[in-house]
């Protein structure tokens, strides 16, 4: 299946803690910010089960030694106080925690502004669906050519899939053309610097004109992203957000933004910081992220469909320069 805890279920299956899985999103409305648990039943008569369920599970229904993965520290302590024989492990996602962090006065200011623009939000989604579908069809020959060039140039998959954070802290897997060597995120920082040795020959070319972003039309069509909005960050950086920065999660992550245009030379900024002795991740959080967020927060205040169109046009002009 496809969902927030699919990977956790896969791990449970691979570790032979279970060989059957039930994942009913109908019963798991994670958009509402509830905490969720992954249950891996211990072997019993050669049958093992994995179940994703809400935190309203009745613990007395579980057999001794059942493995429970939960995103809530409070829930973990509660379970242990009731059933000390159960095994508790943390699971990824932590949507509930991020949603809790969004419940602050600074975010409420932006929520009040956006909630008054419901018609614009509907128009934005219609725009996203129509143009992402049209562009995917028109650009399909280019997509095919780039895919072939990437495969010829270096080993690894055509697409780079990475978990990012979007609306209300939900995790999704972004589509990008791979512009770096395989497993680049495991041999270096999650952000790139100028002249990064991990970037491939084809990657250098397509990154300059942002062609690596084209596959995100798929994410837009699926509703995980939008054309204009705050660029999606990895969880590692979202965890560094201030209370006010969390407001950017009120809307879907975007392919482009004013911040993207202003910080198109982000790699060079990071490169200078690294040469000055800073860690790449520290440099990003301290020297780049705050500046980008000022533009992203201002966008939320001025949000309109016309403003989105202007940003799209400015992006095209910026790329062609």
C-alpha atoms as a PDB file:
ATOM      1  CA  UNK A   1       0.000   0.000   0.000  1.00  0.00           C
ATOM      2  CA  UNK A   2       0.905   3.691   0.029  1.00  0.00           C
ATOM      3  CA  UNK A   3       0.836   5.610   3.270  1.00  0.00           C
ATOM      4  CA  UNK A   4       2.698   7.210   6.114  1.00  0.00           C
ATOM      5  CA  UNK A   5       3.703   3.930   7.731  1.00  0.00           C
ATOM      6  CA  UNK A   6       4.242   1.752   4.674  1.00  0.00           C
ATOM      7  CA  UNK A   7       7.989   1.693   5.279  1.00  0.00           C
ATOM      8  CA  UNK A   8       7.519   0.645   8.903  1.00  0.00           C
ATOM      9  CA  UNK A   9       5.266  -2.194   7.803  1.00  0.00           C
ATOM     10  CA  UNK A  10       7.815  -3.242   5.180  1.00  0.00           C
ATOM     11  CA  UNK A  11      10.530  -3.354   7.831  1.00  0.00           C
ATOM     12  CA  UNK A  12       8.334  -5.476  10.088  1.00  0.00           C
ATOM     13  CA  UNK A  13       7.710  -7.870   7.226  1.00  0.00           C
ATOM     14  CA  UNK A  14      11.360  -8.037   6.188  1.00  0.00           C
ATOM     15  CA  UNK A  15      12.438  -8.727   9.758  1.00  0.00           C
ATOM     16  CA  UNK A  16       9.903 -11.576   9.737  1.00  0.00           C
ATOM     17  CA  UNK A  17       8.041 -10.045  12.651  1.00  0.00           C
ATOM     18  CA  UNK A  18       4.985 -10.367  10.465  1.00  0.00           C
ATOM     19  CA  UNK A  19       3.918 -11.711   7.112  1.00  0.00           C
ATOM     20  CA  UNK A  20       0.428 -10.206   6.859  1.00  0.00           C
ATOM     21  CA  UNK A  21      -0.420  -6.512   6.896  1.00  0.00           C
ATOM     22  CA  UNK A  22      -3.600  -4.475   7.221  1.00  0.00           C
ATOM     23  CA  UNK A  23      -3.405  -0.774   6.428  1.00  0.00           C
ATOM     24  CA  UNK A  24      -6.838   0.838   6.244  1.00  0.00           C
ATOM     25  CA  UNK A  25      -6.530   4.589   5.725  1.00  0.00           C
ATOM     26  CA  UNK A  26     -10.314   4.805   6.073  1.00  0.00           C
ATOM     27  CA  UNK A  27      -9.814   4.069   9.749  1.00  0.00           C
ATOM     28  CA  UNK A  28      -6.696   6.236  10.061  1.00  0.00           C
ATOM     29  CA  UNK A  29      -7.596   9.896   9.413  1.00  0.00           C
ATOM     30  CA  UNK A  30      -4.038  11.126   9.945  1.00  0.00           C
ATOM     31  CA  UNK A  31      -4.890  14.492   8.389  1.00  0.00           C
ATOM     32  CA  UNK A  32      -6.659  15.263  11.670  1.00  0.00           C
ATOM     33  CA  UNK A  33      -3.406  15.047  13.560  1.00  0.00           C
ATOM     34  CA  UNK A  34      -4.080  12.038  15.737  1.00  0.00           C
ATOM     35  CA  UNK A  35      -1.264   9.806  16.984  1.00  0.00           C
ATOM     36  CA  UNK A  36      -0.968   6.419  15.346  1.00  0.00           C
ATOM     37  CA  UNK A  37       0.536   3.084  16.150  1.00  0.00           C
ATOM     38  CA  UNK A  38       2.044   0.254  14.204  1.00  0.00           C
ATOM     39  CA  UNK A  39       1.242  -3.085  15.780  1.00  0.00           C
ATOM     40  CA  UNK A  40       3.353  -6.141  14.960  1.00  0.00           C
ATOM     41  CA  UNK A  41       1.893  -9.247  16.529  1.00  0.00           C
ATOM     42  CA  UNK A  42       4.366 -11.895  17.727  1.00  0.00           C
ATOM     43  CA  UNK A  43       4.232 -15.306  16.111  1.00  0.00           C
ATOM     44  CA  UNK A  44       1.226 -17.328  17.147  1.00  0.00           C
ATOM     45  CA  UNK A  45       0.419 -20.600  15.402  1.00  0.00           C
ATOM     46  CA  UNK A  46       2.658 -19.519  12.505  1.00  0.00           C
ATOM     47  CA  UNK A  47       0.551 -16.448  11.873  1.00  0.00           C
ATOM     48  CA  UNK A  48       1.838 -12.914  12.398  1.00  0.00           C
ATOM     49  CA  UNK A  49      -0.095  -9.712  11.757  1.00  0.00           C
ATOM     50  CA  UNK A  50       0.701  -6.063  11.330  1.00  0.00           C
ATOM     51  CA  UNK A  51      -2.000  -3.491  11.953  1.00  0.00           C
ATOM     52  CA  UNK A  52      -2.023   0.292  11.691  1.00  0.00           C
ATOM     53  CA  UNK A  53      -4.692   1.765  13.906  1.00  0.00           C
ATOM     54  CA  UNK A  54      -5.624   4.869  15.850  1.00  0.00           C
ATOM     55  CA  UNK A  55      -4.493   5.336  19.435  1.00  0.00           C
ATOM     56  CA  UNK A  56      -7.920   4.235  20.652  1.00  0.00           C
ATOM     57  CA  UNK A  57      -6.767   0.613  20.506  1.00  0.00           C
ATOM     58  CA  UNK A  58      -7.825  -1.567  23.453  1.00  0.00           C
ATOM     59  CA  UNK A  59      -4.576  -2.855  24.869  1.00  0.00           C
ATOM     60  CA  UNK A  60      -6.180  -5.869  26.510  1.00  0.00           C
ATOM     61  CA  UNK A  61      -6.833  -7.228  22.999  1.00  0.00           C
ATOM     62  CA  UNK A  62      -3.101  -7.645  22.317  1.00  0.00           C
ATOM     63  CA  UNK A  63      -1.205 -10.853  23.123  1.00  0.00           C
ATOM     64  CA  UNK A  64       1.855 -10.846  25.377  1.00  0.00           C
ATOM     65  CA  UNK A  65       4.962  -9.401  23.719  1.00  0.00           C
ATOM     66  CA  UNK A  66       3.150  -7.546  20.927  1.00  0.00           C
ATOM     67  CA  UNK A  67       5.332  -4.845  19.358  1.00  0.00           C
ATOM     68  CA  UNK A  68       3.801  -1.388  19.301  1.00  0.00           C
ATOM     69  CA  UNK A  69       5.321   1.484  17.323  1.00  0.00           C
ATOM     70  CA  UNK A  70       3.922   4.869  18.302  1.00  0.00           C
ATOM     71  CA  UNK A  71       4.659   8.456  17.258  1.00  0.00           C
ATOM     72  CA  UNK A  72       3.659   9.794  20.685  1.00  0.00           C
ATOM     73  CA  UNK A  73       6.010   9.784  23.681  1.00  0.00           C
ATOM     74  CA  UNK A  74       3.061  10.384  25.989  1.00  0.00           C
ATOM     75  CA  UNK A  75       1.205   7.441  24.505  1.00  0.00           C
ATOM     76  CA  UNK A  76       4.284   5.215  24.899  1.00  0.00           C
ATOM     77  CA  UNK A  77       4.442   6.006  28.633  1.00  0.00           C
ATOM     78  CA  UNK A  78       0.714   5.375  28.979  1.00  0.00           C
ATOM     79  CA  UNK A  79       0.968   1.983  27.263  1.00  0.00           C
ATOM     80  CA  UNK A  80       3.882   0.931  29.468  1.00  0.00           C
ATOM     81  CA  UNK A  81       1.961   1.861  32.618  1.00  0.00           C
ATOM     82  CA  UNK A  82      -0.925  -0.395  31.556  1.00  0.00           C
ATOM     83  CA  UNK A  83       0.879  -3.276  29.803  1.00  0.00           C
ATOM     84  CA  UNK A  84       4.534  -3.536  30.792  1.00  0.00           C
ATOM     85  CA  UNK A  85       4.869  -6.770  28.748  1.00  0.00           C
ATOM     86  CA  UNK A  86       4.406  -4.956  25.439  1.00  0.00           C
ATOM     87  CA  UNK A  87       7.411  -3.854  23.369  1.00  0.00           C
ATOM     88  CA  UNK A  88       7.374  -0.174  22.396  1.00  0.00           C
ATOM     89  CA  UNK A  89       9.390   1.254  19.472  1.00  0.00           C
ATOM     90  CA  UNK A  90       9.221   4.760  17.913  1.00  0.00           C
ATOM     91  CA  UNK A  91       7.911   5.153  14.369  1.00  0.00           C
ATOM     92  CA  UNK A  92       8.614   7.824  11.797  1.00  0.00           C
ATOM     93  CA  UNK A  93       6.270  10.520  10.615  1.00  0.00           C
ATOM     94  CA  UNK A  94       5.421  12.214  13.904  1.00  0.00           C
ATOM     95  CA  UNK A  95       2.627  14.175  12.247  1.00  0.00           C
ATOM     96  CA  UNK A  96       0.892  14.645  15.569  1.00  0.00           C
ATOM     97  CA  UNK A  97       3.933  16.376  17.067  1.00  0.00           C
ATOM     98  CA  UNK A  98       4.307  18.780  14.145  1.00  0.00           C
ATOM     99  CA  UNK A  99       0.614  19.627  14.239  1.00  0.00           C
ATOM    100  CA  UNK A 100       0.891  20.344  17.954  1.00  0.00           C
ATOM    101  CA  UNK A 101       3.785  22.705  17.254  1.00  0.00           C
ATOM    102  CA  UNK A 102       1.590  24.495  14.696  1.00  0.00           C
ATOM    103  CA  UNK A 103      -0.970  25.319  17.380  1.00  0.00           C
ATOM    104  CA  UNK A 104       0.527  28.629  18.462  1.00  0.00           C
ATOM    105  CA  UNK A 105      -0.466  32.286  18.251  1.00  0.00           C
ATOM    106  CA  UNK A 106       2.022  33.145  15.514  1.00  0.00           C
ATOM    107  CA  UNK A 107       0.616  30.464  13.200  1.00  0.00           C
ATOM    108  CA  UNK A 108      -2.953  31.488  14.052  1.00  0.00           C
ATOM    109  CA  UNK A 109      -2.268  34.944  12.601  1.00  0.00           C
ATOM    110  CA  UNK A 110      -1.507  33.395   9.208  1.00  0.00           C
ATOM    111  CA  UNK A 111      -4.317  30.835   9.498  1.00  0.00           C
ATOM    112  CA  UNK A 112      -6.839  33.654   9.963  1.00  0.00           C
ATOM    113  CA  UNK A 113      -5.574  35.346   6.785  1.00  0.00           C
ATOM    114  CA  UNK A 114      -5.603  32.187   4.642  1.00  0.00           C
ATOM    115  CA  UNK A 115      -8.976  30.934   5.931  1.00  0.00           C
ATOM    116  CA  UNK A 116     -10.615  34.038   4.463  1.00  0.00           C
ATOM    117  CA  UNK A 117      -9.392  33.108   0.974  1.00  0.00           C
ATOM    118  CA  UNK A 118     -11.256  29.835   0.422  1.00  0.00           C
ATOM    119  CA  UNK A 119     -12.278  30.672  -3.158  1.00  0.00           C
ATOM    120  CA  UNK A 120      -8.653  31.448  -4.052  1.00  0.00           C
ATOM    121  CA  UNK A 121      -7.567  28.139  -2.508  1.00  0.00           C
ATOM    122  CA  UNK A 122     -10.092  26.243  -4.643  1.00  0.00           C
ATOM    123  CA  UNK A 123      -8.969  28.108  -7.764  1.00  0.00           C
ATOM    124  CA  UNK A 124      -5.348  27.348  -6.880  1.00  0.00           C
ATOM    125  CA  UNK A 125      -6.082  23.614  -6.728  1.00  0.00           C
ATOM    126  CA  UNK A 126      -8.009  23.681 -10.030  1.00  0.00           C
ATOM    127  CA  UNK A 127      -5.075  25.517 -11.604  1.00  0.00           C
ATOM    128  CA  UNK A 128      -2.656  22.907 -10.203  1.00  0.00           C
ATOM    129  CA  UNK A 129      -4.625  19.939 -11.520  1.00  0.00           C
ATOM    130  CA  UNK A 130      -5.204  21.362 -14.996  1.00  0.00           C
ATOM    131  CA  UNK A 131      -1.714  22.688 -15.708  1.00  0.00           C
ATOM    132  CA  UNK A 132       0.195  19.804 -14.096  1.00  0.00           C
ATOM    133  CA  UNK A 133      -1.722  17.344 -16.292  1.00  0.00           C
ATOM    134  CA  UNK A 134      -1.278  19.445 -19.454  1.00  0.00           C
ATOM    135  CA  UNK A 135       2.436  20.002 -18.817  1.00  0.00           C
ATOM    136  CA  UNK A 136       3.065  16.321 -18.083  1.00  0.00           C
ATOM    137  CA  UNK A 137       1.594  15.476 -21.491  1.00  0.00           C
ATOM    138  CA  UNK A 138       3.426  18.267 -23.370  1.00  0.00           C
ATOM    139  CA  UNK A 139       6.765  17.668 -21.654  1.00  0.00           C
ATOM    140  CA  UNK A 140       6.666  13.872 -21.827  1.00  0.00           C
ATOM    141  CA  UNK A 141       9.216  13.737 -24.706  1.00  0.00           C
ATOM    142  CA  UNK A 142      11.638  15.897 -22.682  1.00  0.00           C
ATOM    143  CA  UNK A 143      11.065  13.718 -19.628  1.00  0.00           C
ATOM    144  CA  UNK A 144      11.949  10.634 -21.673  1.00  0.00           C
ATOM    145  CA  UNK A 145      15.114  12.197 -23.133  1.00  0.00           C
ATOM    146  CA  UNK A 146      16.317  13.365 -19.701  1.00  0.00           C
ATOM    147  CA  UNK A 147      15.609   9.932 -18.215  1.00  0.00           C
ATOM    148  CA  UNK A 148      17.761   8.267 -20.900  1.00  0.00           C
ATOM    149  CA  UNK A 149      20.611  10.771 -20.418  1.00  0.00           C
ATOM    150  CA  UNK A 150      20.581  10.257 -16.635  1.00  0.00           C
ATOM    151  CA  UNK A 151      20.763   6.465 -17.014  1.00  0.00           C
ATOM    152  CA  UNK A 152      23.603   6.698 -19.540  1.00  0.00           C
ATOM    153  CA  UNK A 153      25.577   9.205 -17.464  1.00  0.00           C
ATOM    154  CA  UNK A 154      25.734   7.378 -14.112  1.00  0.00           C
ATOM    155  CA  UNK A 155      24.560   4.350 -12.177  1.00  0.00           C
ATOM    156  CA  UNK A 156      21.348   4.593 -10.207  1.00  0.00           C
ATOM    157  CA  UNK A 157      17.633   5.283 -10.660  1.00  0.00           C
ATOM    158  CA  UNK A 158      16.244   8.020 -12.912  1.00  0.00           C
ATOM    159  CA  UNK A 159      14.286   9.619 -10.105  1.00  0.00           C
ATOM    160  CA  UNK A 160      15.518  10.757  -6.728  1.00  0.00           C
ATOM    161  CA  UNK A 161      12.806  10.066  -4.158  1.00  0.00           C
ATOM    162  CA  UNK A 162      13.149  11.660  -0.755  1.00  0.00           C
ATOM    163  CA  UNK A 163      10.749  12.175   2.129  1.00  0.00           C
ATOM    164  CA  UNK A 164       9.709  15.801   2.520  1.00  0.00           C
ATOM    165  CA  UNK A 165       7.158  17.647   4.648  1.00  0.00           C
ATOM    166  CA  UNK A 166       4.034  19.313   3.239  1.00  0.00           C
ATOM    167  CA  UNK A 167       0.628  20.554   4.470  1.00  0.00           C
ATOM    168  CA  UNK A 168       0.042  20.129   8.219  1.00  0.00           C
ATOM    169  CA  UNK A 169       3.325  18.272   8.608  1.00  0.00           C
ATOM    170  CA  UNK A 170       2.365  15.333   6.395  1.00  0.00           C
ATOM    171  CA  UNK A 171       5.240  13.332   4.941  1.00  0.00           C
ATOM    172  CA  UNK A 172       5.377  12.627   1.203  1.00  0.00           C
ATOM    173  CA  UNK A 173       8.013  11.386  -1.247  1.00  0.00           C
ATOM    174  CA  UNK A 174       9.119  14.028  -3.723  1.00  0.00           C
ATOM    175  CA  UNK A 175       9.884  13.274  -7.383  1.00  0.00           C
ATOM    176  CA  UNK A 176      13.075  14.801  -8.789  1.00  0.00           C
ATOM    177  CA  UNK A 177      15.380  13.794 -11.589  1.00  0.00           C
ATOM    178  CA  UNK A 178      18.514  12.378  -9.982  1.00  0.00           C
ATOM    179  CA  UNK A 179      21.336  14.898 -10.447  1.00  0.00           C
ATOM    180  CA  UNK A 180      23.811  13.362  -8.012  1.00  0.00           C
ATOM    181  CA  UNK A 181      25.574  10.047  -7.614  1.00  0.00           C
ATOM    182  CA  UNK A 182      23.580   7.178  -6.179  1.00  0.00           C
ATOM    183  CA  UNK A 183      23.107   7.363  -2.370  1.00  0.00           C
ATOM    184  CA  UNK A 184      24.476  10.934  -2.308  1.00  0.00           C
ATOM    185  CA  UNK A 185      22.390  11.733   0.778  1.00  0.00           C
ATOM    186  CA  UNK A 186      24.232   8.992   2.667  1.00  0.00           C
ATOM    187  CA  UNK A 187      27.713  10.313   1.842  1.00  0.00           C
ATOM    188  CA  UNK A 188      27.179  13.987   2.530  1.00  0.00           C
ATOM    189  CA  UNK A 189      24.809  16.726   3.652  1.00  0.00           C
ATOM    190  CA  UNK A 190      21.128  16.895   2.676  1.00  0.00           C
ATOM    191  CA  UNK A 191      21.819  20.248   1.012  1.00  0.00           C
ATOM    192  CA  UNK A 192      24.315  20.881  -1.789  1.00  0.00           C
ATOM    193  CA  UNK A 193      27.103  23.424  -1.993  1.00  0.00           C
ATOM    194  CA  UNK A 194      28.834  24.981  -5.014  1.00  0.00           C
ATOM    195  CA  UNK A 195      30.918  22.514  -7.011  1.00  0.00           C
ATOM    196  CA  UNK A 196      29.557  19.611  -4.967  1.00  0.00           C
ATOM    197  CA  UNK A 197      31.540  16.544  -6.054  1.00  0.00           C
ATOM    198  CA  UNK A 198      28.427  14.383  -5.784  1.00  0.00           C
ATOM    199  CA  UNK A 199      26.708  16.143  -8.715  1.00  0.00           C
ATOM    200  CA  UNK A 200      26.875  14.205 -11.999  1.00  0.00           C
ATOM    201  CA  UNK A 201      27.797  15.664 -15.407  1.00  0.00           C
ATOM    202  CA  UNK A 202      24.187  15.627 -16.630  1.00  0.00           C
ATOM    203  CA  UNK A 203      23.088  16.808 -13.209  1.00  0.00           C
ATOM    204  CA  UNK A 204      25.144  20.013 -13.472  1.00  0.00           C
ATOM    205  CA  UNK A 205      23.372  20.950 -16.683  1.00  0.00           C
ATOM    206  CA  UNK A 206      19.780  20.215 -15.696  1.00  0.00           C
ATOM    207  CA  UNK A 207      20.175  21.812 -12.241  1.00  0.00           C
ATOM    208  CA  UNK A 208      21.167  25.143 -13.825  1.00  0.00           C
ATOM    209  CA  UNK A 209      17.822  25.424 -15.594  1.00  0.00           C
ATOM    210  CA  UNK A 210      15.877  23.536 -12.885  1.00  0.00           C
ATOM    211  CA  UNK A 211      14.831  20.731 -15.205  1.00  0.00           C
ATOM    212  CA  UNK A 212      15.319  18.330 -12.287  1.00  0.00           C
ATOM    213  CA  UNK A 213      12.130  19.789 -10.786  1.00  0.00           C
ATOM    214  CA  UNK A 214       9.853  18.822 -13.707  1.00  0.00           C
ATOM    215  CA  UNK A 215       8.839  15.414 -12.242  1.00  0.00           C
ATOM    216  CA  UNK A 216       7.261  17.290  -9.327  1.00  0.00           C
ATOM    217  CA  UNK A 217       4.317  17.821 -11.666  1.00  0.00           C
ATOM    218  CA  UNK A 218       3.380  14.319 -10.478  1.00  0.00           C
ATOM    219  CA  UNK A 219       3.396  15.491  -6.855  1.00  0.00           C
ATOM    220  CA  UNK A 220       1.257  18.488  -7.851  1.00  0.00           C
ATOM    221  CA  UNK A 221      -1.277  16.293  -9.642  1.00  0.00           C
ATOM    222  CA  UNK A 222      -1.484  14.063  -6.553  1.00  0.00           C
ATOM    223  CA  UNK A 223      -2.150  17.083  -4.334  1.00  0.00           C
ATOM    224  CA  UNK A 224       1.075  16.708  -2.344  1.00  0.00           C
ATOM    225  CA  UNK A 225       2.514  19.910  -3.790  1.00  0.00           C
ATOM    226  CA  UNK A 226       1.440  23.047  -5.613  1.00  0.00           C
ATOM    227  CA  UNK A 227       3.070  25.205  -8.293  1.00  0.00           C
ATOM    228  CA  UNK A 228       3.730  28.129  -5.938  1.00  0.00           C
ATOM    229  CA  UNK A 229       4.503  27.698  -2.262  1.00  0.00           C
ATOM    230  CA  UNK A 230       7.271  27.146   0.255  1.00  0.00           C
ATOM    231  CA  UNK A 231       9.818  24.622  -1.029  1.00  0.00           C
ATOM    232  CA  UNK A 232       9.384  21.308   0.811  1.00  0.00           C
ATOM    233  CA  UNK A 233      12.054  20.609   3.401  1.00  0.00           C
ATOM    234  CA  UNK A 234      13.216  17.330   4.899  1.00  0.00           C
ATOM    235  CA  UNK A 235      11.999  16.605   8.431  1.00  0.00           C
ATOM    236  CA  UNK A 236      15.463  17.354   9.805  1.00  0.00           C
ATOM    237  CA  UNK A 237      15.131  21.022   8.875  1.00  0.00           C
ATOM    238  CA  UNK A 238      11.421  21.344   9.665  1.00  0.00           C
ATOM    239  CA  UNK A 239      12.289  20.330  13.223  1.00  0.00           C
ATOM    240  CA  UNK A 240      14.425  23.498  13.365  1.00  0.00           C
ATOM    241  CA  UNK A 241      11.493  25.780  12.426  1.00  0.00           C
ATOM    242  CA  UNK A 242      10.521  28.575  14.795  1.00  0.00           C
ATOM    243  CA  UNK A 243       6.863  28.872  15.826  1.00  0.00           C
ATOM    244  CA  UNK A 244       6.253  31.432  13.079  1.00  0.00           C
ATOM    245  CA  UNK A 245       7.978  29.337  10.400  1.00  0.00           C
ATOM    246  CA  UNK A 246       5.496  26.519  11.109  1.00  0.00           C
ATOM    247  CA  UNK A 247       2.847  28.680   9.421  1.00  0.00           C
ATOM    248  CA  UNK A 248       4.361  27.748   6.049  1.00  0.00           C
ATOM    249  CA  UNK A 249       2.909  24.261   6.599  1.00  0.00           C
ATOM    250  CA  UNK A 250      -0.614  25.659   6.412  1.00  0.00           C
ATOM    251  CA  UNK A 251      -0.427  25.301   2.622  1.00  0.00           C
ATOM    252  CA  UNK A 252       1.035  22.660   0.305  1.00  0.00           C
ATOM    253  CA  UNK A 253       4.754  22.736  -0.456  1.00  0.00           C
ATOM    254  CA  UNK A 254       5.564  24.404  -3.773  1.00  0.00           C
ATOM    255  CA  UNK A 255       7.790  23.921  -6.798  1.00  0.00           C
ATOM    256  CA  UNK A 256       8.713  27.590  -6.867  1.00  0.00           C
ATOM    257  CA  UNK A 257       8.394  30.671  -4.677  1.00  0.00           C
ATOM    258  CA  UNK A 258       9.735  34.176  -4.218  1.00  0.00           C
ATOM    259  CA  UNK A 259      12.311  32.661  -1.865  1.00  0.00           C
ATOM    260  CA  UNK A 260      13.413  30.228  -4.596  1.00  0.00           C
ATOM    261  CA  UNK A 261      13.957  33.132  -7.000  1.00  0.00           C
ATOM    262  CA  UNK A 262      15.814  35.281  -4.481  1.00  0.00           C
ATOM    263  CA  UNK A 263      17.941  32.350  -3.310  1.00  0.00           C
ATOM    264  CA  UNK A 264      18.687  30.781  -6.688  1.00  0.00           C
ATOM    265  CA  UNK A 265      22.402  31.042  -5.790  1.00  0.00           C
ATOM    266  CA  UNK A 266      21.882  29.246  -2.486  1.00  0.00           C
ATOM    267  CA  UNK A 267      24.694  26.800  -3.292  1.00  0.00           C
ATOM    268  CA  UNK A 268      27.194  29.661  -3.449  1.00  0.00           C
ATOM    269  CA  UNK A 269      26.049  31.057  -0.076  1.00  0.00           C
ATOM    270  CA  UNK A 270      26.525  27.663   1.522  1.00  0.00           C
ATOM    271  CA  UNK A 271      29.865  27.168  -0.196  1.00  0.00           C
ATOM    272  CA  UNK A 272      31.193  30.413   1.302  1.00  0.00           C
ATOM    273  CA  UNK A 273      29.955  29.443   4.769  1.00  0.00           C
ATOM    274  CA  UNK A 274      31.557  26.002   4.528  1.00  0.00           C
ATOM    275  CA  UNK A 275      34.871  27.522   3.399  1.00  0.00           C
ATOM    276  CA  UNK A 276      34.655  29.799   6.445  1.00  0.00           C
ATOM    277  CA  UNK A 277      34.553  26.700   8.639  1.00  0.00           C
ATOM    278  CA  UNK A 278      30.820  26.117   9.152  1.00  0.00           C
ATOM    279  CA  UNK A 279      29.116  22.744   8.907  1.00  0.00           C
ATOM    280  CA  UNK A 280      26.846  22.613   5.831  1.00  0.00           C
ATOM    281  CA  UNK A 281      23.685  21.823   7.786  1.00  0.00           C
ATOM    282  CA  UNK A 282      24.432  24.515  10.374  1.00  0.00           C
ATOM    283  CA  UNK A 283      25.088  27.032   7.590  1.00  0.00           C
ATOM    284  CA  UNK A 284      21.762  26.201   5.946  1.00  0.00           C
ATOM    285  CA  UNK A 285      19.755  26.551   9.167  1.00  0.00           C
ATOM    286  CA  UNK A 286      21.517  29.740  10.290  1.00  0.00           C
ATOM    287  CA  UNK A 287      22.427  31.551   7.049  1.00  0.00           C
ATOM    288  CA  UNK A 288      19.858  30.482   4.469  1.00  0.00           C
ATOM    289  CA  UNK A 289      16.640  29.209   6.064  1.00  0.00           C
ATOM    290  CA  UNK A 290      15.734  32.394   8.036  1.00  0.00           C
ATOM    291  CA  UNK A 291      16.052  34.590   4.938  1.00  0.00           C
ATOM    292  CA  UNK A 292      14.001  32.234   2.779  1.00  0.00           C
ATOM    293  CA  UNK A 293      11.326  32.008   5.437  1.00  0.00           C
ATOM    294  CA  UNK A 294      10.861  35.795   5.519  1.00  0.00           C
ATOM    295  CA  UNK A 295       9.820  35.637   1.860  1.00  0.00           C
ATOM    296  CA  UNK A 296       7.681  32.519   2.423  1.00  0.00           C
ATOM    297  CA  UNK A 297       5.795  34.088   5.327  1.00  0.00           C
ATOM    298  CA  UNK A 298       5.233  37.301   3.370  1.00  0.00           C
ATOM    299  CA  UNK A 299       3.810  35.156   0.538  1.00  0.00           C
ATOM    300  CA  UNK A 300       1.191  33.723   2.903  1.00  0.00           C
ATOM    301  CA  UNK A 301       0.041  37.232   3.823  1.00  0.00           C
ATOM    302  CA  UNK A 302      -0.223  38.284   0.178  1.00  0.00           C
ATOM    303  CA  UNK A 303      -1.548  35.003  -1.205  1.00  0.00           C
ATOM    304  CA  UNK A 304      -3.751  35.259  -4.296  1.00  0.00           C
ATOM    305  CA  UNK A 305      -4.044  33.393  -7.583  1.00  0.00           C
ATOM    306  CA  UNK A 306      -2.834  36.470  -9.481  1.00  0.00           C
ATOM    307  CA  UNK A 307       0.230  36.686  -7.260  1.00  0.00           C
ATOM    308  CA  UNK A 308       0.898  32.974  -7.944  1.00  0.00           C
ATOM    309  CA  UNK A 309       0.793  33.637 -11.688  1.00  0.00           C
ATOM    310  CA  UNK A 310       3.238  36.520 -11.289  1.00  0.00           C
ATOM    311  CA  UNK A 311       5.644  34.296  -9.328  1.00  0.00           C
ATOM    312  CA  UNK A 312       5.418  31.596 -12.042  1.00  0.00           C
ATOM    313  CA  UNK A 313       6.276  34.158 -14.720  1.00  0.00           C
ATOM    314  CA  UNK A 314       9.147  35.584 -12.637  1.00  0.00           C
ATOM    315  CA  UNK A 315      10.477  32.035 -12.178  1.00  0.00           C
ATOM    316  CA  UNK A 316      10.537  31.390 -15.929  1.00  0.00           C
ATOM    317  CA  UNK A 317      12.286  34.728 -16.537  1.00  0.00           C
ATOM    318  CA  UNK A 318      14.796  33.975 -13.783  1.00  0.00           C
ATOM    319  CA  UNK A 319      15.631  30.547 -15.248  1.00  0.00           C
ATOM    320  CA  UNK A 320      16.083  31.935 -18.785  1.00  0.00           C
ATOM    321  CA  UNK A 321      18.461  34.692 -17.691  1.00  0.00           C
END
